[in-house]
Amino acid sequence: MVWVLNQGGTTGQYSTIATYMMQIGFFRNDWGFGSAIAVIMFMLSFVVAVFYVLFVLRRDNSDAPRKAKRA
């Protein structure tokens, strides 16, 4: 959406990491650096997903047996 509306703005102030990856990889034809950005973006999202599963979902699932016993 950012790229479609204003192509990152005049100085790139509206760029995201995904639009930066596309700009480097496709428009500047630097496939290696674009791939490295994609790998880093995957690692960051994977770490966030693991923490979410460990903390939020474990907390939600740990309350389930206690609620079942009360009923």
PDB file of N, CA and C in Angstrom:
ATOM      1  N   MET A   1       0.827  -1.178   0.000  1.00  0.00           N
ATOM      2  CA  MET A   1       0.000   0.000   0.000  1.00  0.00           C
ATOM      3  C   MET A   1       0.883   1.258   0.000  1.00  0.00           C
ATOM      4  N   VAL A   2       1.964   1.227   0.780  1.00  0.00           N
ATOM      5  CA  VAL A   2       2.856   2.382   0.837  1.00  0.00           C
ATOM      6  C   VAL A   2       3.457   2.650  -0.532  1.00  0.00           C
ATOM      7  N   TRP A   3       3.906   1.607  -1.201  1.00  0.00           N
ATOM      8  CA  TRP A   3       4.557   1.792  -2.498  1.00  0.00           C
ATOM      9  C   TRP A   3       3.558   2.233  -3.567  1.00  0.00           C
ATOM     10  N   VAL A   4       2.353   1.708  -3.532  1.00  0.00           N
ATOM     11  CA  VAL A   4       1.356   2.044  -4.543  1.00  0.00           C
ATOM     12  C   VAL A   4       0.927   3.501  -4.429  1.00  0.00           C
ATOM     13  N   LEU A   5       0.753   3.988  -3.208  1.00  0.00           N
ATOM     14  CA  LEU A   5       0.245   5.347  -3.030  1.00  0.00           C
ATOM     15  C   LEU A   5       1.284   6.430  -3.327  1.00  0.00           C
ATOM     16  N   ASN A   6       2.503   6.267  -2.816  1.00  0.00           N
ATOM     17  CA  ASN A   6       3.458   7.373  -2.976  1.00  0.00           C
ATOM     18  C   ASN A   6       4.888   6.931  -3.243  1.00  0.00           C
ATOM     19  N   GLN A   7       5.132   5.675  -3.512  1.00  0.00           N
ATOM     20  CA  GLN A   7       6.448   5.120  -3.819  1.00  0.00           C
ATOM     21  C   GLN A   7       7.486   5.494  -2.766  1.00  0.00           C
ATOM     22  N   GLY A   8       7.111   5.496  -1.517  1.00  0.00           N
ATOM     23  CA  GLY A   8       8.045   5.736  -0.429  1.00  0.00           C
ATOM     24  C   GLY A   8       8.247   7.193  -0.073  1.00  0.00           C
ATOM     25  N   GLY A   9       7.590   8.087  -0.728  1.00  0.00           N
ATOM     26  CA  GLY A   9       7.778   9.514  -0.467  1.00  0.00           C
ATOM     27  C   GLY A   9       8.971  10.064  -1.236  1.00  0.00           C
ATOM     28  N   THR A  10       9.216  11.333  -1.094  1.00  0.00           N
ATOM     29  CA  THR A  10      10.294  11.954  -1.862  1.00  0.00           C
ATOM     30  C   THR A  10      11.673  11.550  -1.348  1.00  0.00           C
ATOM     31  N   THR A  11      11.810  11.387  -0.047  1.00  0.00           N
ATOM     32  CA  THR A  11      13.110  11.002   0.515  1.00  0.00           C
ATOM     33  C   THR A  11      13.073   9.619   1.150  1.00  0.00           C
ATOM     34  N   GLY A  12      12.044   8.853   0.872  1.00  0.00           N
ATOM     35  CA  GLY A  12      11.929   7.511   1.422  1.00  0.00           C
ATOM     36  C   GLY A  12      11.413   7.477   2.846  1.00  0.00           C
ATOM     37  N   GLN A  13      10.756   8.541   3.275  1.00  0.00           N
ATOM     38  CA  GLN A  13      10.298   8.599   4.661  1.00  0.00           C
ATOM     39  C   GLN A  13       9.165   7.626   4.944  1.00  0.00           C
ATOM     40  N   TYR A  14       8.471   7.135   3.930  1.00  0.00           N
ATOM     41  CA  TYR A  14       7.379   6.199   4.142  1.00  0.00           C
ATOM     42  C   TYR A  14       7.768   4.771   3.777  1.00  0.00           C
ATOM     43  N   SER A  15       9.025   4.507   3.584  1.00  0.00           N
ATOM     44  CA  SER A  15       9.471   3.168   3.200  1.00  0.00           C
ATOM     45  C   SER A  15       9.373   2.206   4.376  1.00  0.00           C
ATOM     46  N   THR A  16       9.046   0.984   4.063  1.00  0.00           N
ATOM     47  CA  THR A  16       9.075  -0.083   5.044  1.00  0.00           C
ATOM     48  C   THR A  16      10.188  -1.044   4.649  1.00  0.00           C
ATOM     49  N   ILE A  17      10.462  -2.031   5.488  1.00  0.00           N
ATOM     50  CA  ILE A  17      11.532  -2.965   5.153  1.00  0.00           C
ATOM     51  C   ILE A  17      11.172  -3.791   3.917  1.00  0.00           C
ATOM     52  N   ALA A  18       9.884  -4.061   3.729  1.00  0.00           N
ATOM     53  CA  ALA A  18       9.458  -4.829   2.562  1.00  0.00           C
ATOM     54  C   ALA A  18       9.610  -4.010   1.271  1.00  0.00           C
ATOM     55  N   THR A  19       9.255  -2.736   1.310  1.00  0.00           N
ATOM     56  CA  THR A  19       9.425  -1.914   0.109  1.00  0.00           C
ATOM     57  C   THR A  19      10.901  -1.648  -0.169  1.00  0.00           C
ATOM     58  N   TYR A  20      11.705  -1.561   0.888  1.00  0.00           N
ATOM     59  CA  TYR A  20      13.152  -1.397   0.712  1.00  0.00           C
ATOM     60  C   TYR A  20      13.738  -2.647   0.057  1.00  0.00           C
ATOM     61  N   MET A  21      13.275  -3.824   0.480  1.00  0.00           N
ATOM     62  CA  MET A  21      13.736  -5.076  -0.112  1.00  0.00           C
ATOM     63  C   MET A  21      13.377  -5.124  -1.595  1.00  0.00           C
ATOM     64  N   MET A  22      12.161  -4.739  -1.935  1.00  0.00           N
ATOM     65  CA  MET A  22      11.746  -4.747  -3.337  1.00  0.00           C
ATOM     66  C   MET A  22      12.555  -3.744  -4.160  1.00  0.00           C
ATOM     67  N   GLN A  23      12.801  -2.574  -3.589  1.00  0.00           N
ATOM     68  CA  GLN A  23      13.557  -1.550  -4.305  1.00  0.00           C
ATOM     69  C   GLN A  23      14.980  -2.019  -4.581  1.00  0.00           C
ATOM     70  N   ILE A  24      15.615  -2.608  -3.589  1.00  0.00           N
ATOM     71  CA  ILE A  24      16.988  -3.087  -3.772  1.00  0.00           C
ATOM     72  C   ILE A  24      17.021  -4.285  -4.707  1.00  0.00           C
ATOM     73  N   GLY A  25      16.150  -5.264  -4.454  1.00  0.00           N
ATOM     74  CA  GLY A  25      16.197  -6.509  -5.210  1.00  0.00           C
ATOM     75  C   GLY A  25      15.774  -6.387  -6.657  1.00  0.00           C
ATOM     76  N   PHE A  26      14.661  -5.734  -6.907  1.00  0.00           N
ATOM     77  CA  PHE A  26      14.114  -5.720  -8.255  1.00  0.00           C
ATOM     78  C   PHE A  26      14.509  -4.487  -9.060  1.00  0.00           C
ATOM     79  N   PHE A  27      14.439  -3.329  -8.452  1.00  0.00           N
ATOM     80  CA  PHE A  27      14.657  -2.105  -9.226  1.00  0.00           C
ATOM     81  C   PHE A  27      16.130  -1.764  -9.394  1.00  0.00           C
ATOM     82  N   ARG A  28      16.963  -2.145  -8.429  1.00  0.00           N
ATOM     83  CA  ARG A  28      18.409  -1.922  -8.558  1.00  0.00           C
ATOM     84  C   ARG A  28      19.153  -3.175  -8.998  1.00  0.00           C
ATOM     85  N   ASN A  29      18.412  -4.275  -9.182  1.00  0.00           N
ATOM     86  CA  ASN A  29      18.974  -5.553  -9.628  1.00  0.00           C
ATOM     87  C   ASN A  29      20.111  -6.057  -8.740  1.00  0.00           C
ATOM     88  N   ASP A  30      19.991  -5.856  -7.451  1.00  0.00           N
ATOM     89  CA  ASP A  30      20.952  -6.387  -6.497  1.00  0.00           C
ATOM     90  C   ASP A  30      20.276  -7.534  -5.749  1.00  0.00           C
ATOM     91  N   TRP A  31      20.239  -8.704  -6.393  1.00  0.00           N
ATOM     92  CA  TRP A  31      19.478  -9.844  -5.894  1.00  0.00           C
ATOM     93  C   TRP A  31      20.029 -10.372  -4.581  1.00  0.00           C
ATOM     94  N   GLY A  32      21.323 -10.348  -4.407  1.00  0.00           N
ATOM     95  CA  GLY A  32      21.932 -10.872  -3.184  1.00  0.00           C
ATOM     96  C   GLY A  32      21.562 -10.058  -1.958  1.00  0.00           C
ATOM     97  N   PHE A  33      21.661  -8.742  -2.063  1.00  0.00           N
ATOM     98  CA  PHE A  33      21.332  -7.878  -0.933  1.00  0.00           C
ATOM     99  C   PHE A  33      19.832  -7.920  -0.635  1.00  0.00           C
ATOM    100  N   GLY A  34      19.016  -7.983  -1.689  1.00  0.00           N
ATOM    101  CA  GLY A  34      17.580  -8.118  -1.490  1.00  0.00           C
ATOM    102  C   GLY A  34      17.226  -9.423  -0.797  1.00  0.00           C
ATOM    103  N   SER A  35      17.925 -10.499  -1.149  1.00  0.00           N
ATOM    104  CA  SER A  35      17.709 -11.783  -0.483  1.00  0.00           C
ATOM    105  C   SER A  35      18.151 -11.742   0.964  1.00  0.00           C
ATOM    106  N   ALA A  36      19.239 -11.056   1.246  1.00  0.00           N
ATOM    107  CA  ALA A  36      19.701 -10.919   2.629  1.00  0.00           C
ATOM    108  C   ALA A  36      18.691 -10.148   3.473  1.00  0.00           C
ATOM    109  N   ILE A  37      18.103  -9.128   2.908  1.00  0.00           N
ATOM    110  CA  ILE A  37      17.064  -8.375   3.620  1.00  0.00           C
ATOM    111  C   ILE A  37      15.856  -9.275   3.885  1.00  0.00           C
ATOM    112  N   ALA A  38      15.500 -10.113   2.911  1.00  0.00           N
ATOM    113  CA  ALA A  38      14.361 -11.025   3.089  1.00  0.00           C
ATOM    114  C   ALA A  38      14.638 -12.036   4.193  1.00  0.00           C
ATOM    115  N   VAL A  39      15.867 -12.540   4.269  1.00  0.00           N
ATOM    116  CA  VAL A  39      16.222 -13.501   5.318  1.00  0.00           C
ATOM    117  C   VAL A  39      16.157 -12.839   6.691  1.00  0.00           C
ATOM    118  N   ILE A  40      16.659 -11.623   6.797  1.00  0.00           N
ATOM    119  CA  ILE A  40      16.615 -10.893   8.074  1.00  0.00           C
ATOM    120  C   ILE A  40      15.166 -10.613   8.462  1.00  0.00           C
ATOM    121  N   MET A  41      14.341 -10.249   7.478  1.00  0.00           N
ATOM    122  CA  MET A  41      12.928  -9.994   7.752  1.00  0.00           C
ATOM    123  C   MET A  41      12.239 -11.278   8.228  1.00  0.00           C
ATOM    124  N   PHE A  42      12.590 -12.419   7.640  1.00  0.00           N
ATOM    125  CA  PHE A  42      12.036 -13.695   8.080  1.00  0.00           C
ATOM    126  C   PHE A  42      12.481 -14.018   9.500  1.00  0.00           C
ATOM    127  N   MET A  43      13.757 -13.818   9.807  1.00  0.00           N
ATOM    128  CA  MET A  43      14.252 -14.122  11.156  1.00  0.00           C
ATOM    129  C   MET A  43      13.568 -13.267  12.212  1.00  0.00           C
ATOM    130  N   LEU A  44      13.382 -11.995  11.927  1.00  0.00           N
ATOM    131  CA  LEU A  44      12.700 -11.119  12.882  1.00  0.00           C
ATOM    132  C   LEU A  44      11.259 -11.562  13.118  1.00  0.00           C
ATOM    133  N   SER A  45      10.557 -11.881  12.052  1.00  0.00           N
ATOM    134  CA  SER A  45       9.174 -12.318  12.217  1.00  0.00           C
ATOM    135  C   SER A  45       9.095 -13.685  12.889  1.00  0.00           C
ATOM    136  N   PHE A  46      10.081 -14.554  12.652  1.00  0.00           N
ATOM    137  CA  PHE A  46      10.107 -15.861  13.307  1.00  0.00           C
ATOM    138  C   PHE A  46      10.334 -15.725  14.805  1.00  0.00           C
ATOM    139  N   VAL A  47      11.237 -14.833  15.206  1.00  0.00           N
ATOM    140  CA  VAL A  47      11.494 -14.603  16.631  1.00  0.00           C
ATOM    141  C   VAL A  47      10.243 -14.052  17.311  1.00  0.00           C
ATOM    142  N   VAL A  48       9.571 -13.121  16.680  1.00  0.00           N
ATOM    143  CA  VAL A  48       8.336 -12.576  17.246  1.00  0.00           C
ATOM    144  C   VAL A  48       7.277 -13.665  17.361  1.00  0.00           C
ATOM    145  N   ALA A  49       7.166 -14.527  16.357  1.00  0.00           N
ATOM    146  CA  ALA A  49       6.181 -15.610  16.396  1.00  0.00           C
ATOM    147  C   ALA A  49       6.498 -16.611  17.503  1.00  0.00           C
ATOM    148  N   VAL A  50       7.773 -16.931  17.708  1.00  0.00           N
ATOM    149  CA  VAL A  50       8.151 -17.873  18.762  1.00  0.00           C
ATOM    150  C   VAL A  50       7.834 -17.285  20.131  1.00  0.00           C
ATOM    151  N   PHE A  51       8.175 -16.029  20.358  1.00  0.00           N
ATOM    152  CA  PHE A  51       7.842 -15.404  21.634  1.00  0.00           C
ATOM    153  C   PHE A  51       6.330 -15.352  21.848  1.00  0.00           C
ATOM    154  N   TYR A  52       5.592 -15.113  20.805  1.00  0.00           N
ATOM    155  CA  TYR A  52       4.133 -15.086  20.919  1.00  0.00           C
ATOM    156  C   TYR A  52       3.603 -16.455  21.342  1.00  0.00           C
ATOM    157  N   VAL A  53       4.108 -17.491  20.698  1.00  0.00           N
ATOM    158  CA  VAL A  53       3.655 -18.837  21.037  1.00  0.00           C
ATOM    159  C   VAL A  53       4.055 -19.201  22.457  1.00  0.00           C
ATOM    160  N   LEU A  54       5.281 -18.870  22.839  1.00  0.00           N
ATOM    161  CA  LEU A  54       5.763 -19.246  24.163  1.00  0.00           C
ATOM    162  C   LEU A  54       5.026 -18.531  25.286  1.00  0.00           C
ATOM    163  N   PHE A  55       4.786 -17.260  25.140  1.00  0.00           N
ATOM    164  CA  PHE A  55       4.222 -16.484  26.238  1.00  0.00           C
ATOM    165  C   PHE A  55       2.699 -16.365  26.170  1.00  0.00           C
ATOM    166  N   VAL A  56       2.164 -15.948  25.064  1.00  0.00           N
ATOM    167  CA  VAL A  56       0.734 -15.671  24.984  1.00  0.00           C
ATOM    168  C   VAL A  56      -0.074 -16.964  24.906  1.00  0.00           C
ATOM    169  N   LEU A  57       0.286 -17.852  24.011  1.00  0.00           N
ATOM    170  CA  LEU A  57      -0.498 -19.072  23.867  1.00  0.00           C
ATOM    171  C   LEU A  57      -0.325 -20.005  25.061  1.00  0.00           C
ATOM    172  N   ARG A  58       0.860 -20.045  25.662  1.00  0.00           N
ATOM    173  CA  ARG A  58       1.049 -20.866  26.849  1.00  0.00           C
ATOM    174  C   ARG A  58       0.189 -20.342  27.995  1.00  0.00           C
ATOM    175  N   ARG A  59       0.114 -19.038  28.133  1.00  0.00           N
ATOM    176  CA  ARG A  59      -0.713 -18.442  29.174  1.00  0.00           C
ATOM    177  C   ARG A  59      -2.188 -18.768  28.945  1.00  0.00           C
ATOM    178  N   ASP A  60      -2.636 -18.700  27.698  1.00  0.00           N
ATOM    179  CA  ASP A  60      -4.032 -19.004  27.389  1.00  0.00           C
ATOM    180  C   ASP A  60      -4.351 -20.478  27.621  1.00  0.00           C
ATOM    181  N   ASN A  61      -3.440 -21.353  27.269  1.00  0.00           N
ATOM    182  CA  ASN A  61      -3.686 -22.786  27.409  1.00  0.00           C
ATOM    183  C   ASN A  61      -3.521 -23.263  28.847  1.00  0.00           C
ATOM    184  N   SER A  62      -2.736 -22.580  29.655  1.00  0.00           N
ATOM    185  CA  SER A  62      -2.536 -23.023  31.032  1.00  0.00           C
ATOM    186  C   SER A  62      -3.776 -22.749  31.886  1.00  0.00           C
ATOM    187  N   ASP A  63      -4.619 -21.827  31.519  1.00  0.00           N
ATOM    188  CA  ASP A  63      -5.846 -21.539  32.257  1.00  0.00           C
ATOM    189  C   ASP A  63      -6.960 -22.526  31.927  1.00  0.00           C
ATOM    190  N   ALA A  64      -6.869 -23.217  30.820  1.00  0.00           N
ATOM    191  CA  ALA A  64      -7.952 -24.096  30.375  1.00  0.00           C
ATOM    192  C   ALA A  64      -8.232 -25.250  31.342  1.00  0.00           C
ATOM    193  N   PRO A  65      -7.228 -25.986  31.850  1.00  0.00           N
ATOM    194  CA  PRO A  65      -7.552 -27.099  32.759  1.00  0.00           C
ATOM    195  C   PRO A  65      -8.183 -26.629  34.073  1.00  0.00           C
ATOM    196  N   ARG A  66      -7.746 -25.496  34.585  1.00  0.00           N
ATOM    197  CA  ARG A  66      -8.328 -24.995  35.831  1.00  0.00           C
ATOM    198  C   ARG A  66      -9.774 -24.586  35.646  1.00  0.00           C
ATOM    199  N   LYS A  67     -10.098 -23.999  34.530  1.00  0.00           N
ATOM    200  CA  LYS A  67     -11.473 -23.604  34.260  1.00  0.00           C
ATOM    201  C   LYS A  67     -12.369 -24.831  34.086  1.00  0.00           C
ATOM    202  N   ALA A  68     -11.826 -25.894  33.512  1.00  0.00           N
ATOM    203  CA  ALA A  68     -12.607 -27.098  33.302  1.00  0.00           C
ATOM    204  C   ALA A  68     -12.908 -27.788  34.632  1.00  0.00           C
ATOM    205  N   LYS A  69     -11.982 -27.740  35.571  1.00  0.00           N
ATOM    206  CA  LYS A  69     -12.186 -28.392  36.861  1.00  0.00           C
ATOM    207  C   LYS A  69     -13.254 -27.687  37.687  1.00  0.00           C
ATOM    208  N   ARG A  70     -13.367 -26.383  37.556  1.00  0.00           N
ATOM    209  CA  ARG A  70     -14.355 -25.622  38.314  1.00  0.00           C
ATOM    210  C   ARG A  70     -15.777 -25.914  37.866  1.00  0.00           C
ATOM    211  N   ALA A  71     -15.929 -26.208  36.626  1.00  0.00           N
ATOM    212  CA  ALA A  71     -17.277 -26.391  36.060  1.00  0.00           C
ATOM    213  C   ALA A  71     -17.905 -27.694  36.419  1.00  0.00           C
TER     214      ALA A  71
END
